[in-house]
Amino acid sequence: RLVQIQTVGNTVGTTSDTTYSGLELVNDDDPR
C-alpha cells in the first residue's frame, strides 16, 4: 500500500518523493 499510495502522489503531482514508489517489491519466492 505504501508503494501504491506514493505512486498516486507522484502521478497526481502532490509529491516528488520516491522513497517507496521508486523501489521494487521482491517477493519471498524470488530466486534473488
Full PDB file with SEQRES, HELIX, SHEET, SSBOND, CRYST1, ORIGX, SCALE, CONECT and MASTER records, all heavy atoms in Angstrom:
SEQRES   1 A   32  ARG LEU VAL GLN ILE GLN THR VAL GLY ASN THR VAL GLY          
SEQRES   2 A   32  THR THR SER ASP THR THR TYR SER GLY LEU GLU LEU VAL          
SEQRES   3 A   32  ASN ASP ASP ASP PRO ARG                                      
HELIX    1 AA1 LEU A    2  VAL A   12  1                                  11    
CRYST1    1.000    1.000    1.000  90.00  90.00  90.00 P 1           1          
ORIGX1      1.000000  0.000000  0.000000        0.00000                         
ORIGX2      0.000000  1.000000  0.000000        0.00000                         
ORIGX3      0.000000  0.000000  1.000000        0.00000                         
SCALE1      1.000000  0.000000  0.000000        0.00000                         
SCALE2      0.000000  1.000000  0.000000        0.00000                         
SCALE3      0.000000  0.000000  1.000000        0.00000                         
ATOM      1  N   ARG A   1       0.842  -1.210   0.000  1.00  0.00           N  
ATOM      2  CA  ARG A   1       0.000   0.000   0.000  1.00  0.00           C  
ATOM      3  C   ARG A   1       0.874   1.255   0.000  1.00  0.00           C  
ATOM      4  O   ARG A   1       0.549   2.266  -0.636  1.00  0.00           O  
ATOM      5  CB  ARG A   1      -0.915   0.019   1.222  1.00  0.00           C  
ATOM      6  CG  ARG A   1      -2.231  -0.703   1.073  1.00  0.00           C  
ATOM      7  CD  ARG A   1      -2.079  -2.199   1.036  1.00  0.00           C  
ATOM      8  NE  ARG A   1      -3.367  -2.880   1.140  1.00  0.00           N  
ATOM      9  CZ  ARG A   1      -3.542  -4.185   1.016  1.00  0.00           C  
ATOM     10  NH1 ARG A   1      -2.491  -4.974   0.779  1.00  0.00           N  
ATOM     11  NH2 ARG A   1      -4.732  -4.734   1.119  1.00  0.00           N  
ATOM     12  N   LEU A   2       1.957   1.198   0.736  1.00  0.00           N  
ATOM     13  CA  LEU A   2       2.879   2.336   0.806  1.00  0.00           C  
ATOM     14  C   LEU A   2       3.387   2.700  -0.583  1.00  0.00           C  
ATOM     15  O   LEU A   2       3.406   3.868  -0.981  1.00  0.00           O  
ATOM     16  CB  LEU A   2       4.042   1.947   1.721  1.00  0.00           C  
ATOM     17  CG  LEU A   2       4.916   3.021   2.331  1.00  0.00           C  
ATOM     18  CD1 LEU A   2       4.109   3.928   3.248  1.00  0.00           C  
ATOM     19  CD2 LEU A   2       6.054   2.382   3.118  1.00  0.00           C  
ATOM     20  N   VAL A   3       3.784   1.680  -1.344  1.00  0.00           N  
ATOM     21  CA  VAL A   3       4.274   1.901  -2.710  1.00  0.00           C  
ATOM     22  C   VAL A   3       3.155   2.441  -3.600  1.00  0.00           C  
ATOM     23  O   VAL A   3       3.358   3.392  -4.362  1.00  0.00           O  
ATOM     24  CB  VAL A   3       4.846   0.597  -3.296  1.00  0.00           C  
ATOM     25  CG1 VAL A   3       5.180   0.761  -4.769  1.00  0.00           C  
ATOM     26  CG2 VAL A   3       6.078   0.154  -2.512  1.00  0.00           C  
ATOM     27  N   GLN A   4       1.955   1.854  -3.493  1.00  0.00           N  
ATOM     28  CA  GLN A   4       0.858   2.286  -4.349  1.00  0.00           C  
ATOM     29  C   GLN A   4       0.457   3.727  -4.079  1.00  0.00           C  
ATOM     30  O   GLN A   4       0.267   4.509  -5.024  1.00  0.00           O  
ATOM     31  CB  GLN A   4      -0.359   1.381  -4.164  1.00  0.00           C  
ATOM     32  CG  GLN A   4      -1.519   1.768  -5.072  1.00  0.00           C  
ATOM     33  CD  GLN A   4      -2.609   0.727  -5.137  1.00  0.00           C  
ATOM     34  OE1 GLN A   4      -3.586   0.803  -4.408  1.00  0.00           O  
ATOM     35  NE2 GLN A   4      -2.454  -0.255  -6.036  1.00  0.00           N  
ATOM     36  N   ILE A   5       0.345   4.099  -2.821  1.00  0.00           N  
ATOM     37  CA  ILE A   5      -0.113   5.448  -2.492  1.00  0.00           C  
ATOM     38  C   ILE A   5       0.922   6.497  -2.899  1.00  0.00           C  
ATOM     39  O   ILE A   5       0.569   7.575  -3.395  1.00  0.00           O  
ATOM     40  CB  ILE A   5      -0.462   5.547  -0.998  1.00  0.00           C  
ATOM     41  CG1 ILE A   5      -1.711   4.714  -0.697  1.00  0.00           C  
ATOM     42  CG2 ILE A   5      -0.696   6.991  -0.572  1.00  0.00           C  
ATOM     43  CD1 ILE A   5      -2.938   5.079  -1.523  1.00  0.00           C  
ATOM     44  N   GLN A   6       2.217   6.209  -2.745  1.00  0.00           N  
ATOM     45  CA  GLN A   6       3.202   7.185  -3.199  1.00  0.00           C  
ATOM     46  C   GLN A   6       3.213   7.289  -4.719  1.00  0.00           C  
ATOM     47  O   GLN A   6       3.445   8.369  -5.274  1.00  0.00           O  
ATOM     48  CB  GLN A   6       4.599   6.841  -2.681  1.00  0.00           C  
ATOM     49  CG  GLN A   6       5.590   7.969  -2.961  1.00  0.00           C  
ATOM     50  CD  GLN A   6       6.861   7.848  -2.164  1.00  0.00           C  
ATOM     51  OE1 GLN A   6       7.598   6.872  -2.304  1.00  0.00           O  
ATOM     52  NE2 GLN A   6       7.130   8.843  -1.321  1.00  0.00           N  
ATOM     53  N   THR A   7       2.913   6.195  -5.412  1.00  0.00           N  
ATOM     54  CA  THR A   7       2.786   6.247  -6.864  1.00  0.00           C  
ATOM     55  C   THR A   7       1.661   7.186  -7.272  1.00  0.00           C  
ATOM     56  O   THR A   7       1.786   7.945  -8.245  1.00  0.00           O  
ATOM     57  CB  THR A   7       2.529   4.834  -7.433  1.00  0.00           C  
ATOM     58  OG1 THR A   7       3.601   3.973  -7.069  1.00  0.00           O  
ATOM     59  CG2 THR A   7       2.407   4.863  -8.951  1.00  0.00           C  
ATOM     60  N   VAL A   8       0.560   7.166  -6.530  1.00  0.00           N  
ATOM     61  CA  VAL A   8      -0.534   8.105  -6.789  1.00  0.00           C  
ATOM     62  C   VAL A   8      -0.044   9.535  -6.598  1.00  0.00           C  
ATOM     63  O   VAL A   8      -0.283  10.413  -7.443  1.00  0.00           O  
ATOM     64  CB  VAL A   8      -1.743   7.823  -5.877  1.00  0.00           C  
ATOM     65  CG1 VAL A   8      -2.836   8.877  -6.097  1.00  0.00           C  
ATOM     66  CG2 VAL A   8      -2.304   6.431  -6.118  1.00  0.00           C  
ATOM     67  N   GLY A   9       0.652   9.781  -5.495  1.00  0.00           N  
ATOM     68  CA  GLY A   9       1.158  11.129  -5.232  1.00  0.00           C  
ATOM     69  C   GLY A   9       2.095  11.624  -6.322  1.00  0.00           C  
ATOM     70  O   GLY A   9       2.035  12.787  -6.740  1.00  0.00           O  
ATOM     71  N   ASN A  10       2.958  10.736  -6.818  1.00  0.00           N  
ATOM     72  CA  ASN A  10       3.867  11.107  -7.912  1.00  0.00           C  
ATOM     73  C   ASN A  10       3.096  11.439  -9.183  1.00  0.00           C  
ATOM     74  O   ASN A  10       3.398  12.416  -9.882  1.00  0.00           O  
ATOM     75  CB  ASN A  10       4.837   9.970  -8.209  1.00  0.00           C  
ATOM     76  CG  ASN A  10       5.769   9.628  -7.060  1.00  0.00           C  
ATOM     77  OD1 ASN A  10       6.226   8.506  -6.950  1.00  0.00           O  
ATOM     78  ND2 ASN A  10       6.038  10.585  -6.181  1.00  0.00           N  
ATOM     79  N   THR A  11       2.081  10.620  -9.491  1.00  0.00           N  
ATOM     80  CA  THR A  11       1.323  10.782 -10.729  1.00  0.00           C  
ATOM     81  C   THR A  11       0.459  12.039 -10.707  1.00  0.00           C  
ATOM     82  O   THR A  11       0.379  12.775 -11.709  1.00  0.00           O  
ATOM     83  CB  THR A  11       0.443   9.547 -10.976  1.00  0.00           C  
ATOM     84  OG1 THR A  11       1.268   8.377 -11.013  1.00  0.00           O  
ATOM     85  CG2 THR A  11      -0.331   9.657 -12.280  1.00  0.00           C  
ATOM     86  N   VAL A  12      -0.166  12.308  -9.575  1.00  0.00           N  
ATOM     87  CA  VAL A  12      -1.025  13.486  -9.450  1.00  0.00           C  
ATOM     88  C   VAL A  12      -0.190  14.752  -9.313  1.00  0.00           C  
ATOM     89  O   VAL A  12      -0.651  15.856  -9.635  1.00  0.00           O  
ATOM     90  CB  VAL A  12      -1.996  13.317  -8.260  1.00  0.00           C  
ATOM     91  CG1 VAL A  12      -2.876  14.547  -8.074  1.00  0.00           C  
ATOM     92  CG2 VAL A  12      -2.870  12.080  -8.461  1.00  0.00           C  
ATOM     93  N   GLY A  13       1.034  14.609  -8.841  1.00  0.00           N  
ATOM     94  CA  GLY A  13       1.922  15.760  -8.717  1.00  0.00           C  
ATOM     95  C   GLY A  13       1.910  16.408  -7.355  1.00  0.00           C  
ATOM     96  O   GLY A  13       2.341  17.553  -7.212  1.00  0.00           O  
ATOM     97  N   THR A  14       1.454  15.677  -6.325  1.00  0.00           N  
ATOM     98  CA  THR A  14       1.413  16.238  -4.978  1.00  0.00           C  
ATOM     99  C   THR A  14       2.642  15.863  -4.163  1.00  0.00           C  
ATOM    100  O   THR A  14       2.782  16.313  -3.028  1.00  0.00           O  
ATOM    101  CB  THR A  14       0.145  15.786  -4.242  1.00  0.00           C  
ATOM    102  OG1 THR A  14       0.034  14.355  -4.317  1.00  0.00           O  
ATOM    103  CG2 THR A  14      -1.096  16.428  -4.848  1.00  0.00           C  
ATOM    104  N   THR A  15       3.528  15.039  -4.717  1.00  0.00           N  
ATOM    105  CA  THR A  15       4.816  14.770  -4.083  1.00  0.00           C  
ATOM    106  C   THR A  15       5.821  14.384  -5.162  1.00  0.00           C  
ATOM    107  O   THR A  15       5.469  13.754  -6.167  1.00  0.00           O  
ATOM    108  CB  THR A  15       4.728  13.643  -3.036  1.00  0.00           C  
ATOM    109  OG1 THR A  15       6.017  13.497  -2.398  1.00  0.00           O  
ATOM    110  CG2 THR A  15       4.348  12.311  -3.666  1.00  0.00           C  
ATOM    111  N   SER A  16       7.082  14.771  -4.926  1.00  0.00           N  
ATOM    112  CA  SER A  16       8.171  14.354  -5.806  1.00  0.00           C  
ATOM    113  C   SER A  16       9.037  13.297  -5.133  1.00  0.00           C  
ATOM    114  O   SER A  16       9.990  12.794  -5.725  1.00  0.00           O  
ATOM    115  CB  SER A  16       9.036  15.561  -6.193  1.00  0.00           C  
ATOM    116  OG  SER A  16       9.573  16.185  -5.032  1.00  0.00           O  
ATOM    117  N   ASP A  17       8.672  12.957  -3.887  1.00  0.00           N  
ATOM    118  CA  ASP A  17       9.423  11.952  -3.140  1.00  0.00           C  
ATOM    119  C   ASP A  17       9.168  10.566  -3.727  1.00  0.00           C  
ATOM    120  O   ASP A  17       8.030  10.210  -4.026  1.00  0.00           O  
ATOM    121  CB  ASP A  17       8.981  11.977  -1.670  1.00  0.00           C  
ATOM    122  CG  ASP A  17       9.900  11.177  -0.764  1.00  0.00           C  
ATOM    123  OD1 ASP A  17       9.948   9.938  -0.923  1.00  0.00           O  
ATOM    124  OD2 ASP A  17      10.554  11.778   0.099  1.00  0.00           O  
ATOM    125  N   THR A  18      10.223   9.787  -3.925  1.00  0.00           N  
ATOM    126  CA  THR A  18      10.085   8.436  -4.469  1.00  0.00           C  
ATOM    127  C   THR A  18      10.735   7.398  -3.554  1.00  0.00           C  
ATOM    128  O   THR A  18      11.211   6.365  -4.009  1.00  0.00           O  
ATOM    129  CB  THR A  18      10.690   8.339  -5.879  1.00  0.00           C  
ATOM    130  OG1 THR A  18      12.068   8.729  -5.824  1.00  0.00           O  
ATOM    131  CG2 THR A  18       9.942   9.224  -6.862  1.00  0.00           C  
ATOM    132  N   THR A  19      10.749   7.696  -2.262  1.00  0.00           N  
ATOM    133  CA  THR A  19      11.385   6.791  -1.304  1.00  0.00           C  
ATOM    134  C   THR A  19      10.878   5.367  -1.450  1.00  0.00           C  
ATOM    135  O   THR A  19      11.648   4.407  -1.383  1.00  0.00           O  
ATOM    136  CB  THR A  19      11.139   7.278   0.136  1.00  0.00           C  
ATOM    137  OG1 THR A  19      11.724   8.581   0.295  1.00  0.00           O  
ATOM    138  CG2 THR A  19      11.755   6.329   1.157  1.00  0.00           C  
ATOM    139  N   TYR A  20       9.572   5.215  -1.658  1.00  0.00           N  
ATOM    140  CA  TYR A  20       8.981   3.877  -1.748  1.00  0.00           C  
ATOM    141  C   TYR A  20       8.524   3.534  -3.171  1.00  0.00           C  
ATOM    142  O   TYR A  20       8.685   2.398  -3.613  1.00  0.00           O  
ATOM    143  CB  TYR A  20       7.813   3.760  -0.772  1.00  0.00           C  
ATOM    144  CG  TYR A  20       8.236   4.022   0.660  1.00  0.00           C  
ATOM    145  CD1 TYR A  20       7.963   5.238   1.284  1.00  0.00           C  
ATOM    146  CD2 TYR A  20       8.945   3.061   1.365  1.00  0.00           C  
ATOM    147  CE1 TYR A  20       8.383   5.482   2.587  1.00  0.00           C  
ATOM    148  CE2 TYR A  20       9.368   3.300   2.670  1.00  0.00           C  
ATOM    149  CZ  TYR A  20       9.084   4.520   3.274  1.00  0.00           C  
ATOM    150  OH  TYR A  20       9.513   4.760   4.556  1.00  0.00           O  
ATOM    151  N   SER A  21       7.967   4.511  -3.878  1.00  0.00           N  
ATOM    152  CA  SER A  21       7.478   4.236  -5.227  1.00  0.00           C  
ATOM    153  C   SER A  21       8.611   3.911  -6.189  1.00  0.00           C  
ATOM    154  O   SER A  21       8.396   3.291  -7.229  1.00  0.00           O  
ATOM    155  CB  SER A  21       6.672   5.428  -5.764  1.00  0.00           C  
ATOM    156  OG  SER A  21       7.476   6.595  -5.794  1.00  0.00           O  
ATOM    157  N   GLY A  22       9.840   4.319  -5.846  1.00  0.00           N  
ATOM    158  CA  GLY A  22      10.983   4.030  -6.694  1.00  0.00           C  
ATOM    159  C   GLY A  22      11.601   2.669  -6.446  1.00  0.00           C  
ATOM    160  O   GLY A  22      12.615   2.326  -7.056  1.00  0.00           O  
ATOM    161  N   LEU A  23      10.992   1.904  -5.545  1.00  0.00           N  
ATOM    162  CA  LEU A  23      11.540   0.595  -5.185  1.00  0.00           C  
ATOM    163  C   LEU A  23      10.702  -0.535  -5.763  1.00  0.00           C  
ATOM    164  O   LEU A  23       9.508  -0.391  -6.002  1.00  0.00           O  
ATOM    165  CB  LEU A  23      11.618   0.455  -3.664  1.00  0.00           C  
ATOM    166  CG  LEU A  23      12.444   1.508  -2.919  1.00  0.00           C  
ATOM    167  CD1 LEU A  23      12.462   1.210  -1.430  1.00  0.00           C  
ATOM    168  CD2 LEU A  23      13.865   1.596  -3.466  1.00  0.00           C  
ATOM    169  N   GLU A  24      11.345  -1.667  -5.937  1.00  0.00           N  
ATOM    170  CA  GLU A  24      10.693  -2.878  -6.432  1.00  0.00           C  
ATOM    171  C   GLU A  24      10.339  -3.779  -5.256  1.00  0.00           C  
ATOM    172  O   GLU A  24      11.156  -3.983  -4.347  1.00  0.00           O  
ATOM    173  CB  GLU A  24      11.637  -3.622  -7.373  1.00  0.00           C  
ATOM    174  CG  GLU A  24      11.122  -4.954  -7.858  1.00  0.00           C  
ATOM    175  CD  GLU A  24      12.162  -5.758  -8.627  1.00  0.00           C  
ATOM    176  OE1 GLU A  24      13.340  -5.331  -8.679  1.00  0.00           O  
ATOM    177  OE2 GLU A  24      11.798  -6.823  -9.182  1.00  0.00           O  
ATOM    178  N   LEU A  25       9.133  -4.309  -5.264  1.00  0.00           N  
ATOM    179  CA  LEU A  25       8.723  -5.293  -4.260  1.00  0.00           C  
ATOM    180  C   LEU A  25       9.224  -6.667  -4.708  1.00  0.00           C  
ATOM    181  O   LEU A  25       8.841  -7.166  -5.766  1.00  0.00           O  
ATOM    182  CB  LEU A  25       7.204  -5.308  -4.123  1.00  0.00           C  
ATOM    183  CG  LEU A  25       6.581  -4.063  -3.462  1.00  0.00           C  
ATOM    184  CD1 LEU A  25       5.169  -3.836  -3.981  1.00  0.00           C  
ATOM    185  CD2 LEU A  25       6.563  -4.217  -1.952  1.00  0.00           C  
ATOM    186  N   VAL A  26      10.090  -7.270  -3.916  1.00  0.00           N  
ATOM    187  CA  VAL A  26      10.678  -8.567  -4.244  1.00  0.00           C  
ATOM    188  C   VAL A  26      10.082  -9.614  -3.309  1.00  0.00           C  
ATOM    189  O   VAL A  26      10.332  -9.598  -2.099  1.00  0.00           O  
ATOM    190  CB  VAL A  26      12.208  -8.534  -4.122  1.00  0.00           C  
ATOM    191  CG1 VAL A  26      12.811  -9.885  -4.491  1.00  0.00           C  
ATOM    192  CG2 VAL A  26      12.790  -7.416  -4.994  1.00  0.00           C  
ATOM    193  N   ASN A  27       9.271 -10.499  -3.853  1.00  0.00           N  
ATOM    194  CA  ASN A  27       8.553 -11.483  -3.041  1.00  0.00           C  
ATOM    195  C   ASN A  27       9.500 -12.544  -2.485  1.00  0.00           C  
ATOM    196  O   ASN A  27      10.587 -12.782  -3.014  1.00  0.00           O  
ATOM    197  CB  ASN A  27       7.450 -12.140  -3.876  1.00  0.00           C  
ATOM    198  CG  ASN A  27       6.455 -12.894  -3.024  1.00  0.00           C  
ATOM    199  OD1 ASN A  27       6.167 -12.500  -1.897  1.00  0.00           O  
ATOM    200  ND2 ASN A  27       5.930 -13.997  -3.538  1.00  0.00           N  
ATOM    201  N   ASP A  28       9.051 -13.216  -1.435  1.00  0.00           N  
ATOM    202  CA  ASP A  28       9.879 -14.216  -0.761  1.00  0.00           C  
ATOM    203  C   ASP A  28      10.284 -15.382  -1.655  1.00  0.00           C  
ATOM    204  O   ASP A  28      11.272 -16.069  -1.390  1.00  0.00           O  
ATOM    205  CB  ASP A  28       9.154 -14.756   0.473  1.00  0.00           C  
ATOM    206  CG  ASP A  28       7.869 -15.483   0.113  1.00  0.00           C  
ATOM    207  OD1 ASP A  28       6.845 -14.808  -0.129  1.00  0.00           O  
ATOM    208  OD2 ASP A  28       7.874 -16.720   0.057  1.00  0.00           O  
ATOM    209  N   ASP A  29       9.517 -15.650  -2.724  1.00  0.00           N  
ATOM    210  CA  ASP A  29       9.851 -16.767  -3.610  1.00  0.00           C  
ATOM    211  C   ASP A  29      10.720 -16.343  -4.793  1.00  0.00           C  
ATOM    212  O   ASP A  29      11.002 -17.141  -5.685  1.00  0.00           O  
ATOM    213  CB  ASP A  29       8.585 -17.457  -4.115  1.00  0.00           C  
ATOM    214  CG  ASP A  29       7.716 -16.547  -4.996  1.00  0.00           C  
ATOM    215  OD1 ASP A  29       7.979 -15.323  -5.032  1.00  0.00           O  
ATOM    216  OD2 ASP A  29       6.774 -17.056  -5.622  1.00  0.00           O  
ATOM    217  N   ASP A  30      11.166 -15.080  -4.816  1.00  0.00           N  
ATOM    218  CA  ASP A  30      12.022 -14.606  -5.901  1.00  0.00           C  
ATOM    219  C   ASP A  30      13.382 -15.312  -5.804  1.00  0.00           C  
ATOM    220  O   ASP A  30      13.968 -15.398  -4.712  1.00  0.00           O  
ATOM    221  CB  ASP A  30      12.196 -13.083  -5.784  1.00  0.00           C  
ATOM    222  CG  ASP A  30      12.836 -12.475  -7.015  1.00  0.00           C  
ATOM    223  OD1 ASP A  30      14.035 -12.731  -7.234  1.00  0.00           O  
ATOM    224  OD2 ASP A  30      12.142 -11.744  -7.754  1.00  0.00           O  
ATOM    225  N   PRO A  31      13.917 -15.810  -6.929  1.00  0.00           N  
ATOM    226  CA  PRO A  31      15.200 -16.534  -6.878  1.00  0.00           C  
ATOM    227  C   PRO A  31      16.371 -15.677  -6.417  1.00  0.00           C  
ATOM    228  O   PRO A  31      17.421 -16.215  -6.041  1.00  0.00           O  
ATOM    229  CB  PRO A  31      15.388 -17.009  -8.328  1.00  0.00           C  
ATOM    230  CG  PRO A  31      14.503 -16.136  -9.151  1.00  0.00           C  
ATOM    231  CD  PRO A  31      13.335 -15.817  -8.280  1.00  0.00           C  
ATOM    232  N   ARG A  32      16.219 -14.352  -6.401  1.00  0.00           N  
ATOM    233  CA  ARG A  32      17.290 -13.491  -5.912  1.00  0.00           C  
ATOM    234  C   ARG A  32      17.440 -13.562  -4.394  1.00  0.00           C  
ATOM    235  O   ARG A  32      18.472 -13.165  -3.850  1.00  0.00           O  
ATOM    236  CB  ARG A  32      17.047 -12.046  -6.362  1.00  0.00           C  
ATOM    237  CG  ARG A  32      17.246 -11.816  -7.848  1.00  0.00           C  
ATOM    238  CD  ARG A  32      16.812 -10.427  -8.260  1.00  0.00           C  
ATOM    239  NE  ARG A  32      15.356 -10.281  -8.209  1.00  0.00           N  
ATOM    240  CZ  ARG A  32      14.711  -9.139  -8.468  1.00  0.00           C  
ATOM    241  NH1 ARG A  32      15.400  -8.037  -8.776  1.00  0.00           N  
ATOM    242  NH2 ARG A  32      13.397  -9.093  -8.426  1.00  0.00           N  
TER     243      ARG A  32                                                      
MASTER        0    0    0    1    0    0    0    6  242    1    0    3          
END                                                                             
